[in-house]
């Protein structure tokens, strides 16, 4: 991604850069690797954006109305049902992500053994964070149980929460990044950035909610 063309001098040449031309070069480079209007890419982007929006809207609605708990006759059953739907949506997201990568060109610079090994490492770390987070929080702790009034007795401070603040989000992002690197896919890298951004927004929303409650 770096260029060997000599740039302007650092102390007085920034005004000589044509940023419109630079943007065009970046777009040309990206379009050389992907078709932004491909249906599989659009589907992947939509599922990435939809999933956190769906579970946040439904969880907040449940917190305000308790309609799901009433419909299922139990907050636990309602939480398990929503968790099942979220899992299915995540499977769909991963399927769309993979299909988008397979239908787009590979990046030659990533199609080598070293990158393949890096992808495996990222997948290993991501899976470790996701699974250890799930076992530490339990099903209801993982799948928005607090919105259903199902609260843990104390804050979880064991691994991996004693290492990073949001291991589930970080682990999931690492899994997608590793999957993209394994496939030498610039499309996968772009979609991984989107995954990271929507997780960041979801985290900020949850942090804002916790701050208001405190």
C-alpha atoms as a PDB file:
ATOM      1  CA  UNK A   1       0.000   0.000   0.000  1.00  0.00           C
ATOM      2  CA  UNK A   2       2.995   2.277   0.352  1.00  0.00           C
ATOM      3  CA  UNK A   3       4.392   4.104  -2.645  1.00  0.00           C
ATOM      4  CA  UNK A   4       7.999   4.403  -3.741  1.00  0.00           C
ATOM      5  CA  UNK A   5       7.407   7.784  -5.416  1.00  0.00           C
ATOM      6  CA  UNK A   6       9.215  10.538  -3.553  1.00  0.00           C
ATOM      7  CA  UNK A   7       6.809  12.899  -1.829  1.00  0.00           C
ATOM      8  CA  UNK A   8       7.124  16.574  -0.970  1.00  0.00           C
ATOM      9  CA  UNK A   9       9.429  17.676   1.772  1.00  0.00           C
ATOM     10  CA  UNK A  10       7.948  17.326   5.252  1.00  0.00           C
ATOM     11  CA  UNK A  11       8.478  20.964   6.248  1.00  0.00           C
ATOM     12  CA  UNK A  12       6.823  22.808   3.410  1.00  0.00           C
ATOM     13  CA  UNK A  13       5.330  20.634   0.747  1.00  0.00           C
ATOM     14  CA  UNK A  14       1.894  19.564   2.003  1.00  0.00           C
ATOM     15  CA  UNK A  15       0.276  22.329   0.034  1.00  0.00           C
ATOM     16  CA  UNK A  16       1.518  20.732  -3.180  1.00  0.00           C
ATOM     17  CA  UNK A  17      -0.494  17.515  -2.621  1.00  0.00           C
ATOM     18  CA  UNK A  18      -3.592  17.123  -4.767  1.00  0.00           C
ATOM     19  CA  UNK A  19      -5.846  15.268  -2.304  1.00  0.00           C
ATOM     20  CA  UNK A  20      -8.560  14.795  -4.944  1.00  0.00           C
ATOM     21  CA  UNK A  21      -6.041  12.889  -7.043  1.00  0.00           C
ATOM     22  CA  UNK A  22      -4.959  10.865  -3.993  1.00  0.00           C
ATOM     23  CA  UNK A  23      -8.578   9.924  -3.241  1.00  0.00           C
ATOM     24  CA  UNK A  24      -9.016   8.850  -6.851  1.00  0.00           C
ATOM     25  CA  UNK A  25      -5.936   6.640  -6.600  1.00  0.00           C
ATOM     26  CA  UNK A  26      -7.284   4.953  -3.452  1.00  0.00           C
ATOM     27  CA  UNK A  27     -10.678   4.360  -5.054  1.00  0.00           C
ATOM     28  CA  UNK A  28      -9.041   3.004  -8.206  1.00  0.00           C
ATOM     29  CA  UNK A  29      -6.949   0.631  -6.083  1.00  0.00           C
ATOM     30  CA  UNK A  30      -9.990  -0.622  -4.165  1.00  0.00           C
ATOM     31  CA  UNK A  31     -12.139  -1.039  -7.250  1.00  0.00           C
ATOM     32  CA  UNK A  32      -9.343  -3.066  -8.807  1.00  0.00           C
ATOM     33  CA  UNK A  33      -9.956  -5.705  -6.128  1.00  0.00           C
ATOM     34  CA  UNK A  34     -13.716  -5.605  -5.727  1.00  0.00           C
ATOM     35  CA  UNK A  35     -17.042  -4.825  -7.281  1.00  0.00           C
ATOM     36  CA  UNK A  36     -18.854  -2.637  -4.719  1.00  0.00           C
ATOM     37  CA  UNK A  37     -22.214  -3.410  -6.304  1.00  0.00           C
ATOM     38  CA  UNK A  38     -21.884  -7.181  -6.104  1.00  0.00           C
ATOM     39  CA  UNK A  39     -24.987  -8.586  -4.399  1.00  0.00           C
ATOM     40  CA  UNK A  40     -22.976 -10.732  -1.968  1.00  0.00           C
ATOM     41  CA  UNK A  41     -20.946  -7.715  -0.811  1.00  0.00           C
ATOM     42  CA  UNK A  42     -24.095  -5.669  -0.324  1.00  0.00           C
ATOM     43  CA  UNK A  43     -25.699  -8.540   1.616  1.00  0.00           C
ATOM     44  CA  UNK A  44     -22.631  -8.853   3.863  1.00  0.00           C
ATOM     45  CA  UNK A  45     -22.594  -5.124   4.589  1.00  0.00           C
ATOM     46  CA  UNK A  46     -26.318  -5.151   5.385  1.00  0.00           C
ATOM     47  CA  UNK A  47     -26.073  -8.094   7.789  1.00  0.00           C
ATOM     48  CA  UNK A  48     -23.067  -6.526   9.539  1.00  0.00           C
ATOM     49  CA  UNK A  49     -24.986  -3.290  10.062  1.00  0.00           C
ATOM     50  CA  UNK A  50     -28.324  -4.943  10.881  1.00  0.00           C
ATOM     51  CA  UNK A  51     -27.319  -7.410  13.593  1.00  0.00           C
ATOM     52  CA  UNK A  52     -26.277  -5.005  16.388  1.00  0.00           C
ATOM     53  CA  UNK A  53     -29.081  -2.634  15.432  1.00  0.00           C
ATOM     54  CA  UNK A  54     -31.605  -5.459  15.788  1.00  0.00           C
ATOM     55  CA  UNK A  55     -30.450  -6.734  19.147  1.00  0.00           C
ATOM     56  CA  UNK A  56     -30.083  -3.241  20.607  1.00  0.00           C
ATOM     57  CA  UNK A  57     -33.559  -2.177  19.501  1.00  0.00           C
ATOM     58  CA  UNK A  58     -35.206  -5.400  20.705  1.00  0.00           C
ATOM     59  CA  UNK A  59     -33.335  -5.389  24.030  1.00  0.00           C
ATOM     60  CA  UNK A  60     -34.194  -1.749  24.749  1.00  0.00           C
ATOM     61  CA  UNK A  61     -37.827  -2.395  23.813  1.00  0.00           C
ATOM     62  CA  UNK A  62     -37.917  -5.368  26.184  1.00  0.00           C
ATOM     63  CA  UNK A  63     -36.348  -3.326  28.969  1.00  0.00           C
ATOM     64  CA  UNK A  64     -39.028  -0.652  28.632  1.00  0.00           C
ATOM     65  CA  UNK A  65     -42.089  -2.849  28.033  1.00  0.00           C
ATOM     66  CA  UNK A  66     -41.275  -6.410  29.250  1.00  0.00           C
ATOM     67  CA  UNK A  67     -43.371  -7.609  26.321  1.00  0.00           C
ATOM     68  CA  UNK A  68     -41.067 -10.511  25.457  1.00  0.00           C
ATOM     69  CA  UNK A  69     -40.963 -11.721  29.047  1.00  0.00           C
ATOM     70  CA  UNK A  70     -44.764 -11.625  29.173  1.00  0.00           C
ATOM     71  CA  UNK A  71     -45.116 -13.363  25.814  1.00  0.00           C
ATOM     72  CA  UNK A  72     -42.769 -16.198  26.801  1.00  0.00           C
ATOM     73  CA  UNK A  73     -43.957 -16.330  30.393  1.00  0.00           C
ATOM     74  CA  UNK A  74     -40.430 -15.937  31.765  1.00  0.00           C
ATOM     75  CA  UNK A  75     -37.555 -13.464  31.319  1.00  0.00           C
ATOM     76  CA  UNK A  76     -35.153 -16.389  31.097  1.00  0.00           C
ATOM     77  CA  UNK A  77     -37.074 -18.070  28.287  1.00  0.00           C
ATOM     78  CA  UNK A  78     -37.389 -14.746  26.490  1.00  0.00           C
ATOM     79  CA  UNK A  79     -33.639 -14.136  26.824  1.00  0.00           C
ATOM     80  CA  UNK A  80     -32.828 -17.637  25.568  1.00  0.00           C
ATOM     81  CA  UNK A  81     -35.101 -17.086  22.565  1.00  0.00           C
ATOM     82  CA  UNK A  82     -33.528 -13.758  21.684  1.00  0.00           C
ATOM     83  CA  UNK A  83     -30.090 -15.312  22.125  1.00  0.00           C
ATOM     84  CA  UNK A  84     -31.033 -18.068  19.683  1.00  0.00           C
ATOM     85  CA  UNK A  85     -32.146 -15.499  17.113  1.00  0.00           C
ATOM     86  CA  UNK A  86     -28.908 -13.545  17.572  1.00  0.00           C
ATOM     87  CA  UNK A  87     -26.882 -16.723  17.037  1.00  0.00           C
ATOM     88  CA  UNK A  88     -28.770 -17.468  13.810  1.00  0.00           C
ATOM     89  CA  UNK A  89     -28.226 -13.902  12.606  1.00  0.00           C
ATOM     90  CA  UNK A  90     -24.518 -14.239  13.354  1.00  0.00           C
ATOM     91  CA  UNK A  91     -24.375 -17.449  11.306  1.00  0.00           C
ATOM     92  CA  UNK A  92     -26.073 -15.605   8.439  1.00  0.00           C
ATOM     93  CA  UNK A  93     -23.619 -12.700   8.783  1.00  0.00           C
ATOM     94  CA  UNK A  94     -20.632 -15.050   8.659  1.00  0.00           C
ATOM     95  CA  UNK A  95     -22.068 -16.832   5.618  1.00  0.00           C
ATOM     96  CA  UNK A  96     -22.601 -13.547   3.765  1.00  0.00           C
ATOM     97  CA  UNK A  97     -19.112 -12.387   4.786  1.00  0.00           C
ATOM     98  CA  UNK A  98     -17.559 -15.561   3.367  1.00  0.00           C
ATOM     99  CA  UNK A  99     -19.576 -15.454   0.154  1.00  0.00           C
ATOM    100  CA  UNK A 100     -18.593 -11.825  -0.420  1.00  0.00           C
ATOM    101  CA  UNK A 101     -14.905 -12.758  -0.095  1.00  0.00           C
ATOM    102  CA  UNK A 102     -15.167 -15.774  -2.384  1.00  0.00           C
ATOM    103  CA  UNK A 103     -16.817 -13.743  -5.153  1.00  0.00           C
ATOM    104  CA  UNK A 104     -14.175 -11.021  -5.125  1.00  0.00           C
ATOM    105  CA  UNK A 105     -10.507 -11.111  -6.206  1.00  0.00           C
ATOM    106  CA  UNK A 106      -7.667 -11.988  -3.853  1.00  0.00           C
ATOM    107  CA  UNK A 107      -4.787  -9.695  -2.921  1.00  0.00           C
ATOM    108  CA  UNK A 108      -1.505 -11.202  -4.099  1.00  0.00           C
ATOM    109  CA  UNK A 109       0.431  -9.608  -1.244  1.00  0.00           C
ATOM    110  CA  UNK A 110      -1.613 -11.597   1.290  1.00  0.00           C
ATOM    111  CA  UNK A 111      -1.605 -14.876  -0.625  1.00  0.00           C
ATOM    112  CA  UNK A 112       1.460 -16.397   1.024  1.00  0.00           C
ATOM    113  CA  UNK A 113       2.323 -18.817   3.873  1.00  0.00           C
ATOM    114  CA  UNK A 114       3.244 -16.075   6.350  1.00  0.00           C
ATOM    115  CA  UNK A 115      -0.105 -14.349   5.937  1.00  0.00           C
ATOM    116  CA  UNK A 116      -1.871 -17.697   6.178  1.00  0.00           C
ATOM    117  CA  UNK A 117      -0.166 -18.389   9.516  1.00  0.00           C
ATOM    118  CA  UNK A 118      -1.070 -14.905  10.736  1.00  0.00           C
ATOM    119  CA  UNK A 119      -4.691 -15.597   9.833  1.00  0.00           C
ATOM    120  CA  UNK A 120      -4.622 -18.819  11.851  1.00  0.00           C
ATOM    121  CA  UNK A 121      -3.162 -16.995  14.859  1.00  0.00           C
ATOM    122  CA  UNK A 122      -5.847 -14.310  14.669  1.00  0.00           C
ATOM    123  CA  UNK A 123      -8.549 -16.976  14.454  1.00  0.00           C
ATOM    124  CA  UNK A 124      -7.066 -18.770  17.453  1.00  0.00           C
ATOM    125  CA  UNK A 125      -6.912 -15.625  19.575  1.00  0.00           C
ATOM    126  CA  UNK A 126     -10.375 -14.534  18.488  1.00  0.00           C
ATOM    127  CA  UNK A 127     -11.910 -17.915  19.258  1.00  0.00           C
ATOM    128  CA  UNK A 128     -10.203 -17.968  22.657  1.00  0.00           C
ATOM    129  CA  UNK A 129     -11.646 -14.566  23.569  1.00  0.00           C
ATOM    130  CA  UNK A 130     -15.145 -15.389  22.317  1.00  0.00           C
ATOM    131  CA  UNK A 131     -15.410 -18.775  24.035  1.00  0.00           C
ATOM    132  CA  UNK A 132     -13.792 -17.687  27.302  1.00  0.00           C
ATOM    133  CA  UNK A 133     -16.105 -14.648  27.399  1.00  0.00           C
ATOM    134  CA  UNK A 134     -19.119 -16.875  26.890  1.00  0.00           C
ATOM    135  CA  UNK A 135     -18.101 -19.282  29.658  1.00  0.00           C
ATOM    136  CA  UNK A 136     -17.339 -16.405  32.030  1.00  0.00           C
ATOM    137  CA  UNK A 137     -20.637 -14.606  31.405  1.00  0.00           C
ATOM    138  CA  UNK A 138     -22.947 -17.550  30.785  1.00  0.00           C
ATOM    139  CA  UNK A 139     -25.719 -17.530  28.190  1.00  0.00           C
ATOM    140  CA  UNK A 140     -27.841 -14.803  29.750  1.00  0.00           C
ATOM    141  CA  UNK A 141     -24.814 -12.640  30.498  1.00  0.00           C
ATOM    142  CA  UNK A 142     -23.671 -12.919  26.898  1.00  0.00           C
ATOM    143  CA  UNK A 143     -27.057 -12.373  25.295  1.00  0.00           C
ATOM    144  CA  UNK A 144     -28.321  -9.193  26.957  1.00  0.00           C
ATOM    145  CA  UNK A 145     -29.766 -10.741  30.081  1.00  0.00           C
ATOM    146  CA  UNK A 146     -29.459  -7.423  31.939  1.00  0.00           C
ATOM    147  CA  UNK A 147     -32.124  -5.964  29.659  1.00  0.00           C
ATOM    148  CA  UNK A 148     -34.437  -8.734  30.856  1.00  0.00           C
ATOM    149  CA  UNK A 149     -33.691  -7.994  34.496  1.00  0.00           C
ATOM    150  CA  UNK A 150     -31.328 -10.965  34.777  1.00  0.00           C
ATOM    151  CA  UNK A 151     -28.316  -9.552  36.567  1.00  0.00           C
ATOM    152  CA  UNK A 152     -25.117 -11.183  37.758  1.00  0.00           C
ATOM    153  CA  UNK A 153     -24.308 -10.898  41.438  1.00  0.00           C
ATOM    154  CA  UNK A 154     -20.936  -9.284  40.767  1.00  0.00           C
ATOM    155  CA  UNK A 155     -18.940  -7.870  37.896  1.00  0.00           C
ATOM    156  CA  UNK A 156     -16.972 -10.536  36.019  1.00  0.00           C
ATOM    157  CA  UNK A 157     -13.250  -9.928  36.471  1.00  0.00           C
ATOM    158  CA  UNK A 158     -11.796 -13.298  35.441  1.00  0.00           C
ATOM    159  CA  UNK A 159     -10.102 -14.018  32.115  1.00  0.00           C
ATOM    160  CA  UNK A 160     -10.505 -12.567  29.539  1.00  0.00           C
ATOM    161  CA  UNK A 161     -12.120  -9.548  31.238  1.00  0.00           C
ATOM    162  CA  UNK A 162      -8.973  -9.000  33.271  1.00  0.00           C
ATOM    163  CA  UNK A 163      -7.056  -8.589  30.003  1.00  0.00           C
ATOM    164  CA  UNK A 164      -9.358  -6.487  27.789  1.00  0.00           C
ATOM    165  CA  UNK A 165     -12.611  -4.636  28.421  1.00  0.00           C
ATOM    166  CA  UNK A 166     -14.636  -6.066  25.546  1.00  0.00           C
ATOM    167  CA  UNK A 167     -13.231  -9.515  24.739  1.00  0.00           C
ATOM    168  CA  UNK A 168     -16.372 -10.698  22.942  1.00  0.00           C
ATOM    169  CA  UNK A 169     -16.311  -7.801  20.470  1.00  0.00           C
ATOM    170  CA  UNK A 170     -12.531  -7.960  20.129  1.00  0.00           C
ATOM    171  CA  UNK A 171     -12.569 -11.720  19.642  1.00  0.00           C
ATOM    172  CA  UNK A 172     -15.291 -11.595  17.016  1.00  0.00           C
ATOM    173  CA  UNK A 173     -13.437  -8.858  15.125  1.00  0.00           C
ATOM    174  CA  UNK A 174     -10.193 -10.866  15.304  1.00  0.00           C
ATOM    175  CA  UNK A 175     -12.023 -13.893  13.882  1.00  0.00           C
ATOM    176  CA  UNK A 176     -13.266 -11.928  10.890  1.00  0.00           C
ATOM    177  CA  UNK A 177      -9.844 -10.368  10.372  1.00  0.00           C
ATOM    178  CA  UNK A 178      -8.176 -13.777  10.527  1.00  0.00           C
ATOM    179  CA  UNK A 179     -10.730 -15.219   8.104  1.00  0.00           C
ATOM    180  CA  UNK A 180     -10.078 -12.332   5.691  1.00  0.00           C
ATOM    181  CA  UNK A 181      -6.297 -12.767   5.901  1.00  0.00           C
ATOM    182  CA  UNK A 182      -6.609 -16.536   5.364  1.00  0.00           C
ATOM    183  CA  UNK A 183      -8.525 -15.814   2.158  1.00  0.00           C
ATOM    184  CA  UNK A 184      -6.117 -13.022   1.121  1.00  0.00           C
ATOM    185  CA  UNK A 185      -9.234 -10.935   0.686  1.00  0.00           C
ATOM    186  CA  UNK A 186      -9.239  -7.120   0.534  1.00  0.00           C
ATOM    187  CA  UNK A 187     -13.028  -7.359   0.572  1.00  0.00           C
ATOM    188  CA  UNK A 188     -12.812  -9.276   3.846  1.00  0.00           C
ATOM    189  CA  UNK A 189     -10.486  -6.634   5.288  1.00  0.00           C
ATOM    190  CA  UNK A 190     -12.927  -3.883   4.361  1.00  0.00           C
ATOM    191  CA  UNK A 191     -15.851  -5.789   5.875  1.00  0.00           C
ATOM    192  CA  UNK A 192     -13.806  -6.430   9.032  1.00  0.00           C
ATOM    193  CA  UNK A 193     -13.341  -2.679   9.430  1.00  0.00           C
ATOM    194  CA  UNK A 194     -17.117  -2.356   9.195  1.00  0.00           C
ATOM    195  CA  UNK A 195     -17.559  -5.069  11.856  1.00  0.00           C
ATOM    196  CA  UNK A 196     -15.159  -3.214  14.161  1.00  0.00           C
ATOM    197  CA  UNK A 197     -16.988   0.086  13.629  1.00  0.00           C
ATOM    198  CA  UNK A 198     -20.461  -1.283  14.396  1.00  0.00           C
ATOM    199  CA  UNK A 199     -19.104  -3.016  17.507  1.00  0.00           C
ATOM    200  CA  UNK A 200     -17.537   0.267  18.566  1.00  0.00           C
ATOM    201  CA  UNK A 201     -20.878   2.044  18.192  1.00  0.00           C
ATOM    202  CA  UNK A 202     -22.637  -0.738  20.135  1.00  0.00           C
ATOM    203  CA  UNK A 203     -20.052  -0.477  22.919  1.00  0.00           C
ATOM    204  CA  UNK A 204     -20.403   3.306  23.133  1.00  0.00           C
ATOM    205  CA  UNK A 205     -24.185   2.976  23.339  1.00  0.00           C
ATOM    206  CA  UNK A 206     -23.911   0.444  26.148  1.00  0.00           C
ATOM    207  CA  UNK A 207     -21.345   2.567  27.973  1.00  0.00           C
ATOM    208  CA  UNK A 208     -23.633   5.595  27.679  1.00  0.00           C
ATOM    209  CA  UNK A 209     -26.539   3.577  29.066  1.00  0.00           C
ATOM    210  CA  UNK A 210     -24.444   2.325  32.001  1.00  0.00           C
ATOM    211  CA  UNK A 211     -23.276   5.868  32.739  1.00  0.00           C
ATOM    212  CA  UNK A 212     -26.848   7.159  32.841  1.00  0.00           C
ATOM    213  CA  UNK A 213     -27.889   4.340  35.195  1.00  0.00           C
ATOM    214  CA  UNK A 214     -25.028   5.108  37.561  1.00  0.00           C
END
